[in-house]
Amino acid sequence: MVIFGVEAKPVYSWLQEDSSIIVSFELPAETVKSDVEFHLSAGSMTVGLRELGILLSGDLYGKVDINASSWIITDNRV
């Protein structure tokens, strides 16, 4: 993606299927789980990093089963 003549990477990618959603963010090197701020409620989600602030925040289209949801860090992605 090019914004104002500068090459820019997307902040996140989003994959949604019938019963699941996968949102993926590229993280700075050396990011650990405690650096990630993740909040999920039945109807909204917020993802951020302590050093950078909120990366994505908003209401979800439908209700989410919080107990069936999780997040991980793999290969500098959350």
PDB file of N, CA and C in Angstrom:
ATOM      1  N   MET A   1       0.849  -1.162   0.000  1.00  0.00           N
ATOM      2  CA  MET A   1       0.000   0.000   0.000  1.00  0.00           C
ATOM      3  C   MET A   1       0.904   1.237   0.000  1.00  0.00           C
ATOM      4  N   VAL A   2       0.543   2.243  -0.774  1.00  0.00           N
ATOM      5  CA  VAL A   2       1.304   3.483  -0.828  1.00  0.00           C
ATOM      6  C   VAL A   2       0.404   4.621  -0.346  1.00  0.00           C
ATOM      7  N   ILE A   3       0.869   5.355   0.662  1.00  0.00           N
ATOM      8  CA  ILE A   3       0.123   6.485   1.210  1.00  0.00           C
ATOM      9  C   ILE A   3       0.987   7.723   1.075  1.00  0.00           C
ATOM     10  N   PHE A   4       0.500   8.726   0.378  1.00  0.00           N
ATOM     11  CA  PHE A   4       1.241   9.961   0.137  1.00  0.00           C
ATOM     12  C   PHE A   4       2.640   9.688  -0.389  1.00  0.00           C
ATOM     13  N   GLY A   5       2.730   8.722  -1.310  1.00  0.00           N
ATOM     14  CA  GLY A   5       3.996   8.405  -1.944  1.00  0.00           C
ATOM     15  C   GLY A   5       4.962   7.594  -1.106  1.00  0.00           C
ATOM     16  N   VAL A   6       4.531   7.134   0.061  1.00  0.00           N
ATOM     17  CA  VAL A   6       5.395   6.360   0.956  1.00  0.00           C
ATOM     18  C   VAL A   6       4.831   4.952   1.080  1.00  0.00           C
ATOM     19  N   GLU A   7       5.705   3.953   0.921  1.00  0.00           N
ATOM     20  CA  GLU A   7       5.288   2.558   1.088  1.00  0.00           C
ATOM     21  C   GLU A   7       4.896   2.322   2.539  1.00  0.00           C
ATOM     22  N   ALA A   8       3.710   1.785   2.772  1.00  0.00           N
ATOM     23  CA  ALA A   8       3.227   1.538   4.127  1.00  0.00           C
ATOM     24  C   ALA A   8       2.658   0.131   4.221  1.00  0.00           C
ATOM     25  N   LYS A   9       2.957  -0.542   5.334  1.00  0.00           N
ATOM     26  CA  LYS A   9       2.391  -1.857   5.583  1.00  0.00           C
ATOM     27  C   LYS A   9       1.049  -1.684   6.283  1.00  0.00           C
ATOM     28  N   PRO A  10       0.104  -2.586   6.011  1.00  0.00           N
ATOM     29  CA  PRO A  10      -1.156  -2.519   6.756  1.00  0.00           C
ATOM     30  C   PRO A  10      -0.899  -2.736   8.242  1.00  0.00           C
ATOM     31  N   VAL A  11      -1.682  -2.091   9.095  1.00  0.00           N
ATOM     32  CA  VAL A  11      -1.522  -2.234  10.537  1.00  0.00           C
ATOM     33  C   VAL A  11      -1.933  -3.632  10.970  1.00  0.00           C
ATOM     34  N   TYR A  12      -2.968  -4.184  10.333  1.00  0.00           N
ATOM     35  CA  TYR A  12      -3.434  -5.515  10.701  1.00  0.00           C
ATOM     36  C   TYR A  12      -4.049  -6.223   9.497  1.00  0.00           C
ATOM     37  N   SER A  13      -4.200  -7.540   9.625  1.00  0.00           N
ATOM     38  CA  SER A  13      -4.959  -8.307   8.637  1.00  0.00           C
ATOM     39  C   SER A  13      -6.131  -8.959   9.356  1.00  0.00           C
ATOM     40  N   TRP A  14      -7.201  -9.194   8.616  1.00  0.00           N
ATOM     41  CA  TRP A  14      -8.446  -9.692   9.191  1.00  0.00           C
ATOM     42  C   TRP A  14      -8.935 -10.847   8.351  1.00  0.00           C
ATOM     43  N   LEU A  15      -9.200 -12.010   8.967  1.00  0.00           N
ATOM     44  CA  LEU A  15      -9.765 -13.173   8.289  1.00  0.00           C
ATOM     45  C   LEU A  15     -10.991 -13.601   9.069  1.00  0.00           C
ATOM     46  N   GLN A  16     -12.149 -13.622   8.428  1.00  0.00           N
ATOM     47  CA  GLN A  16     -13.377 -13.979   9.117  1.00  0.00           C
ATOM     48  C   GLN A  16     -14.041 -15.137   8.391  1.00  0.00           C
ATOM     49  N   GLU A  17     -14.409 -16.160   9.171  1.00  0.00           N
ATOM     50  CA  GLU A  17     -15.141 -17.301   8.659  1.00  0.00           C
ATOM     51  C   GLU A  17     -16.455 -17.393   9.434  1.00  0.00           C
ATOM     52  N   ASP A  18     -17.251 -18.415   9.179  1.00  0.00           N
ATOM     53  CA  ASP A  18     -18.561 -18.518   9.817  1.00  0.00           C
ATOM     54  C   ASP A  18     -18.519 -18.393  11.333  1.00  0.00           C
ATOM     55  N   SER A  19     -17.606 -19.105  11.979  1.00  0.00           N
ATOM     56  CA  SER A  19     -17.604 -19.099  13.442  1.00  0.00           C
ATOM     57  C   SER A  19     -16.299 -18.610  14.050  1.00  0.00           C
ATOM     58  N   SER A  20     -15.426 -18.013  13.241  1.00  0.00           N
ATOM     59  CA  SER A  20     -14.168 -17.536  13.799  1.00  0.00           C
ATOM     60  C   SER A  20     -13.670 -16.290  13.085  1.00  0.00           C
ATOM     61  N   ILE A  21     -12.873 -15.521  13.815  1.00  0.00           N
ATOM     62  CA  ILE A  21     -12.214 -14.335  13.275  1.00  0.00           C
ATOM     63  C   ILE A  21     -10.755 -14.406  13.690  1.00  0.00           C
ATOM     64  N   ILE A  22      -9.864 -14.150  12.758  1.00  0.00           N
ATOM     65  CA  ILE A  22      -8.436 -14.072  13.071  1.00  0.00           C
ATOM     66  C   ILE A  22      -7.960 -12.684  12.675  1.00  0.00           C
ATOM     67  N   VAL A  23      -7.474 -11.927  13.654  1.00  0.00           N
ATOM     68  CA  VAL A  23      -6.906 -10.607  13.419  1.00  0.00           C
ATOM     69  C   VAL A  23      -5.424 -10.723  13.747  1.00  0.00           C
ATOM     70  N   SER A  24      -4.564 -10.263  12.861  1.00  0.00           N
ATOM     71  CA  SER A  24      -3.129 -10.434  13.039  1.00  0.00           C
ATOM     72  C   SER A  24      -2.411  -9.095  12.894  1.00  0.00           C
ATOM     73  N   PHE A  25      -1.500  -8.809  13.830  1.00  0.00           N
ATOM     74  CA  PHE A  25      -0.690  -7.597  13.829  1.00  0.00           C
ATOM     75  C   PHE A  25       0.774  -7.979  13.804  1.00  0.00           C
ATOM     76  N   GLU A  26       1.575  -7.285  13.008  1.00  0.00           N
ATOM     77  CA  GLU A  26       3.022  -7.465  13.054  1.00  0.00           C
ATOM     78  C   GLU A  26       3.543  -6.642  14.226  1.00  0.00           C
ATOM     79  N   LEU A  27       4.390  -7.246  15.049  1.00  0.00           N
ATOM     80  CA  LEU A  27       4.898  -6.603  16.253  1.00  0.00           C
ATOM     81  C   LEU A  27       6.350  -6.182  16.075  1.00  0.00           C
ATOM     82  N   PRO A  28       6.766  -5.143  16.816  1.00  0.00           N
ATOM     83  CA  PRO A  28       8.187  -4.805  16.826  1.00  0.00           C
ATOM     84  C   PRO A  28       8.992  -5.981  17.400  1.00  0.00           C
ATOM     85  N   ALA A  29      10.237  -6.114  16.964  1.00  0.00           N
ATOM     86  CA  ALA A  29      11.101  -7.175  17.482  1.00  0.00           C
ATOM     87  C   ALA A  29      11.180  -7.083  19.000  1.00  0.00           C
ATOM     88  N   GLU A  30      11.323  -8.230  19.627  1.00  0.00           N
ATOM     89  CA  GLU A  30      11.475  -8.333  21.090  1.00  0.00           C
ATOM     90  C   GLU A  30      10.196  -8.023  21.871  1.00  0.00           C
ATOM     91  N   THR A  31       9.050  -7.936  21.215  1.00  0.00           N
ATOM     92  CA  THR A  31       7.792  -7.715  21.931  1.00  0.00           C
ATOM     93  C   THR A  31       7.440  -8.967  22.719  1.00  0.00           C
ATOM     94  N   VAL A  32       7.047  -8.785  23.976  1.00  0.00           N
ATOM     95  CA  VAL A  32       6.626  -9.894  24.823  1.00  0.00           C
ATOM     96  C   VAL A  32       5.146  -9.739  25.144  1.00  0.00           C
ATOM     97  N   LYS A  33       4.547 -10.811  25.633  1.00  0.00           N
ATOM     98  CA  LYS A  33       3.104 -10.830  25.885  1.00  0.00           C
ATOM     99  C   LYS A  33       2.656  -9.688  26.798  1.00  0.00           C
ATOM    100  N   SER A  34       3.465  -9.328  27.777  1.00  0.00           N
ATOM    101  CA  SER A  34       3.076  -8.260  28.704  1.00  0.00           C
ATOM    102  C   SER A  34       3.064  -6.877  28.041  1.00  0.00           C
ATOM    103  N   ASP A  35       3.653  -6.742  26.852  1.00  0.00           N
ATOM    104  CA  ASP A  35       3.618  -5.479  26.104  1.00  0.00           C
ATOM    105  C   ASP A  35       2.285  -5.278  25.373  1.00  0.00           C
ATOM    106  N   VAL A  36       1.548  -6.371  25.169  1.00  0.00           N
ATOM    107  CA  VAL A  36       0.298  -6.335  24.405  1.00  0.00           C
ATOM    108  C   VAL A  36      -0.867  -6.028  25.339  1.00  0.00           C
ATOM    109  N   GLU A  37      -1.698  -5.094  24.930  1.00  0.00           N
ATOM    110  CA  GLU A  37      -2.916  -4.763  25.676  1.00  0.00           C
ATOM    111  C   GLU A  37      -4.099  -5.240  24.842  1.00  0.00           C
ATOM    112  N   PHE A  38      -4.757  -6.279  25.324  1.00  0.00           N
ATOM    113  CA  PHE A  38      -5.864  -6.893  24.606  1.00  0.00           C
ATOM    114  C   PHE A  38      -7.082  -6.926  25.517  1.00  0.00           C
ATOM    115  N   HIS A  39      -8.183  -6.383  25.042  1.00  0.00           N
ATOM    116  CA  HIS A  39      -9.426  -6.386  25.813  1.00  0.00           C
ATOM    117  C   HIS A  39     -10.552  -6.844  24.893  1.00  0.00           C
ATOM    118  N   LEU A  40     -11.302  -7.841  25.371  1.00  0.00           N
ATOM    119  CA  LEU A  40     -12.407  -8.379  24.595  1.00  0.00           C
ATOM    120  C   LEU A  40     -13.641  -8.446  25.477  1.00  0.00           C
ATOM    121  N   SER A  41     -14.736  -7.932  24.971  1.00  0.00           N
ATOM    122  CA  SER A  41     -16.026  -8.089  25.648  1.00  0.00           C
ATOM    123  C   SER A  41     -16.957  -8.788  24.662  1.00  0.00           C
ATOM    124  N   ALA A  42     -18.175  -9.035  25.070  1.00  0.00           N
ATOM    125  CA  ALA A  42     -19.121  -9.730  24.197  1.00  0.00           C
ATOM    126  C   ALA A  42     -19.370  -8.967  22.899  1.00  0.00           C
ATOM    127  N   GLY A  43     -19.184  -7.641  22.906  1.00  0.00           N
ATOM    128  CA  GLY A  43     -19.505  -6.864  21.722  1.00  0.00           C
ATOM    129  C   GLY A  43     -18.428  -5.940  21.208  1.00  0.00           C
ATOM    130  N   SER A  44     -17.217  -5.967  21.799  1.00  0.00           N
ATOM    131  CA  SER A  44     -16.162  -5.074  21.322  1.00  0.00           C
ATOM    132  C   SER A  44     -14.778  -5.673  21.559  1.00  0.00           C
ATOM    133  N   MET A  45     -13.789  -5.090  20.872  1.00  0.00           N
ATOM    134  CA  MET A  45     -12.413  -5.557  20.992  1.00  0.00           C
ATOM    135  C   MET A  45     -11.470  -4.369  20.895  1.00  0.00           C
ATOM    136  N   THR A  46     -10.395  -4.402  21.692  1.00  0.00           N
ATOM    137  CA  THR A  46      -9.332  -3.405  21.619  1.00  0.00           C
ATOM    138  C   THR A  46      -7.996  -4.137  21.674  1.00  0.00           C
ATOM    139  N   VAL A  47      -7.093  -3.774  20.752  1.00  0.00           N
ATOM    140  CA  VAL A  47      -5.751  -4.342  20.725  1.00  0.00           C
ATOM    141  C   VAL A  47      -4.771  -3.181  20.653  1.00  0.00           C
ATOM    142  N   GLY A  48      -3.741  -3.221  21.501  1.00  0.00           N
ATOM    143  CA  GLY A  48      -2.741  -2.168  21.479  1.00  0.00           C
ATOM    144  C   GLY A  48      -1.416  -2.647  22.031  1.00  0.00           C
ATOM    145  N   LEU A  49      -0.440  -1.772  21.969  1.00  0.00           N
ATOM    146  CA  LEU A  49       0.872  -2.019  22.551  1.00  0.00           C
ATOM    147  C   LEU A  49       1.190  -0.889  23.507  1.00  0.00           C
ATOM    148  N   ARG A  50       1.794  -1.212  24.619  1.00  0.00           N
ATOM    149  CA  ARG A  50       2.103  -0.193  25.624  1.00  0.00           C
ATOM    150  C   ARG A  50       2.859   0.989  25.039  1.00  0.00           C
ATOM    151  N   GLU A  51       3.839   0.731  24.189  1.00  0.00           N
ATOM    152  CA  GLU A  51       4.669   1.806  23.638  1.00  0.00           C
ATOM    153  C   GLU A  51       3.977   2.580  22.514  1.00  0.00           C
ATOM    154  N   LEU A  52       3.047   1.937  21.799  1.00  0.00           N
ATOM    155  CA  LEU A  52       2.450   2.550  20.615  1.00  0.00           C
ATOM    156  C   LEU A  52       1.000   2.984  20.809  1.00  0.00           C
ATOM    157  N   GLY A  53       0.344   2.511  21.835  1.00  0.00           N
ATOM    158  CA  GLY A  53      -1.056   2.836  22.058  1.00  0.00           C
ATOM    159  C   GLY A  53      -1.979   1.858  21.346  1.00  0.00           C
ATOM    160  N   ILE A  54      -3.211   2.263  21.135  1.00  0.00           N
ATOM    161  CA  ILE A  54      -4.229   1.409  20.544  1.00  0.00           C
ATOM    162  C   ILE A  54      -3.974   1.242  19.047  1.00  0.00           C
ATOM    163  N   LEU A  55      -3.997  -0.014  18.583  1.00  0.00           N
ATOM    164  CA  LEU A  55      -3.830  -0.329  17.163  1.00  0.00           C
ATOM    165  C   LEU A  55      -5.176  -0.545  16.485  1.00  0.00           C
ATOM    166  N   LEU A  56      -6.142  -1.110  17.222  1.00  0.00           N
ATOM    167  CA  LEU A  56      -7.463  -1.390  16.679  1.00  0.00           C
ATOM    168  C   LEU A  56      -8.459  -1.411  17.827  1.00  0.00           C
ATOM    169  N   SER A  57      -9.580  -0.736  17.649  1.00  0.00           N
ATOM    170  CA  SER A  57     -10.605  -0.713  18.683  1.00  0.00           C
ATOM    171  C   SER A  57     -11.958  -0.501  18.029  1.00  0.00           C
ATOM    172  N   GLY A  58     -12.955  -1.236  18.502  1.00  0.00           N
ATOM    173  CA  GLY A  58     -14.283  -1.017  17.951  1.00  0.00           C
ATOM    174  C   GLY A  58     -15.282  -2.066  18.356  1.00  0.00           C
ATOM    175  N   ASP A  59     -16.513  -1.814  17.957  1.00  0.00           N
ATOM    176  CA  ASP A  59     -17.597  -2.750  18.223  1.00  0.00           C
ATOM    177  C   ASP A  59     -17.543  -3.878  17.204  1.00  0.00           C
ATOM    178  N   LEU A  60     -17.935  -5.065  17.636  1.00  0.00           N
ATOM    179  CA  LEU A  60     -18.002  -6.226  16.766  1.00  0.00           C
ATOM    180  C   LEU A  60     -19.413  -6.363  16.207  1.00  0.00           C
ATOM    181  N   TYR A  61     -19.538  -7.025  15.089  1.00  0.00           N
ATOM    182  CA  TYR A  61     -20.828  -7.172  14.416  1.00  0.00           C
ATOM    183  C   TYR A  61     -21.804  -8.007  15.249  1.00  0.00           C
ATOM    184  N   GLY A  62     -21.294  -9.031  15.907  1.00  0.00           N
ATOM    185  CA  GLY A  62     -22.137  -9.916  16.712  1.00  0.00           C
ATOM    186  C   GLY A  62     -21.514 -10.181  18.055  1.00  0.00           C
ATOM    187  N   LYS A  63     -22.206 -10.944  18.864  1.00  0.00           N
ATOM    188  CA  LYS A  63     -21.702 -11.274  20.203  1.00  0.00           C
ATOM    189  C   LYS A  63     -20.609 -12.338  20.107  1.00  0.00           C
ATOM    190  N   VAL A  64     -19.624 -12.207  20.995  1.00  0.00           N
ATOM    191  CA  VAL A  64     -18.477 -13.100  21.026  1.00  0.00           C
ATOM    192  C   VAL A  64     -18.513 -13.911  22.321  1.00  0.00           C
ATOM    193  N   ASP A  65     -18.162 -15.194  22.221  1.00  0.00           N
ATOM    194  CA  ASP A  65     -18.004 -16.027  23.404  1.00  0.00           C
ATOM    195  C   ASP A  65     -16.602 -15.789  23.953  1.00  0.00           C
ATOM    196  N   ILE A  66     -16.513 -14.970  24.974  1.00  0.00           N
ATOM    197  CA  ILE A  66     -15.215 -14.584  25.526  1.00  0.00           C
ATOM    198  C   ILE A  66     -14.425 -15.802  26.008  1.00  0.00           C
ATOM    199  N   ASN A  67     -15.112 -16.776  26.605  1.00  0.00           N
ATOM    200  CA  ASN A  67     -14.439 -17.966  27.132  1.00  0.00           C
ATOM    201  C   ASN A  67     -13.871 -18.864  26.040  1.00  0.00           C
ATOM    202  N   ALA A  68     -14.335 -18.718  24.813  1.00  0.00           N
ATOM    203  CA  ALA A  68     -13.830 -19.524  23.696  1.00  0.00           C
ATOM    204  C   ALA A  68     -12.827 -18.737  22.848  1.00  0.00           C
ATOM    205  N   SER A  69     -12.394 -17.582  23.341  1.00  0.00           N
ATOM    206  CA  SER A  69     -11.488 -16.715  22.586  1.00  0.00           C
ATOM    207  C   SER A  69     -10.104 -16.722  23.210  1.00  0.00           C
ATOM    208  N   SER A  70      -9.093 -16.534  22.360  1.00  0.00           N
ATOM    209  CA  SER A  70      -7.716 -16.495  22.871  1.00  0.00           C
ATOM    210  C   SER A  70      -6.844 -15.678  21.933  1.00  0.00           C
ATOM    211  N   TRP A  71      -5.617 -15.386  22.377  1.00  0.00           N
ATOM    212  CA  TRP A  71      -4.651 -14.720  21.526  1.00  0.00           C
ATOM    213  C   TRP A  71      -3.261 -15.231  21.862  1.00  0.00           C
ATOM    214  N   ILE A  72      -2.366 -15.221  20.873  1.00  0.00           N
ATOM    215  CA  ILE A  72      -1.000 -15.719  21.039  1.00  0.00           C
ATOM    216  C   ILE A  72      -0.043 -14.814  20.266  1.00  0.00           C
ATOM    217  N   ILE A  73       1.244 -14.902  20.613  1.00  0.00           N
ATOM    218  CA  ILE A  73       2.308 -14.263  19.853  1.00  0.00           C
ATOM    219  C   ILE A  73       3.113 -15.366  19.184  1.00  0.00           C
ATOM    220  N   THR A  74       3.223 -15.284  17.845  1.00  0.00           N
ATOM    221  CA  THR A  74       3.993 -16.253  17.079  1.00  0.00           C
ATOM    222  C   THR A  74       4.736 -15.504  15.968  1.00  0.00           C
ATOM    223  N   ASP A  75       6.042 -15.706  15.877  1.00  0.00           N
ATOM    224  CA  ASP A  75       6.851 -15.101  14.810  1.00  0.00           C
ATOM    225  C   ASP A  75       6.634 -13.582  14.702  1.00  0.00           C
ATOM    226  N   ASN A  76       6.699 -12.885  15.835  1.00  0.00           N
ATOM    227  CA  ASN A  76       6.527 -11.429  15.901  1.00  0.00           C
ATOM    228  C   ASN A  76       5.157 -10.973  15.388  1.00  0.00           C
ATOM    229  N   ARG A  77       4.154 -11.812  15.549  1.00  0.00           N
ATOM    230  CA  ARG A  77       2.784 -11.443  15.212  1.00  0.00           C
ATOM    231  C   ARG A  77       1.885 -11.816  16.380  1.00  0.00           C
ATOM    232  N   VAL A  78       0.869 -11.001  16.617  1.00  0.00           N
ATOM    233  CA  VAL A  78      -0.115 -11.320  17.652  1.00  0.00           C
ATOM    234  C   VAL A  78      -1.438 -11.572  16.980  1.00  0.00           C
TER     235      VAL A  78
END
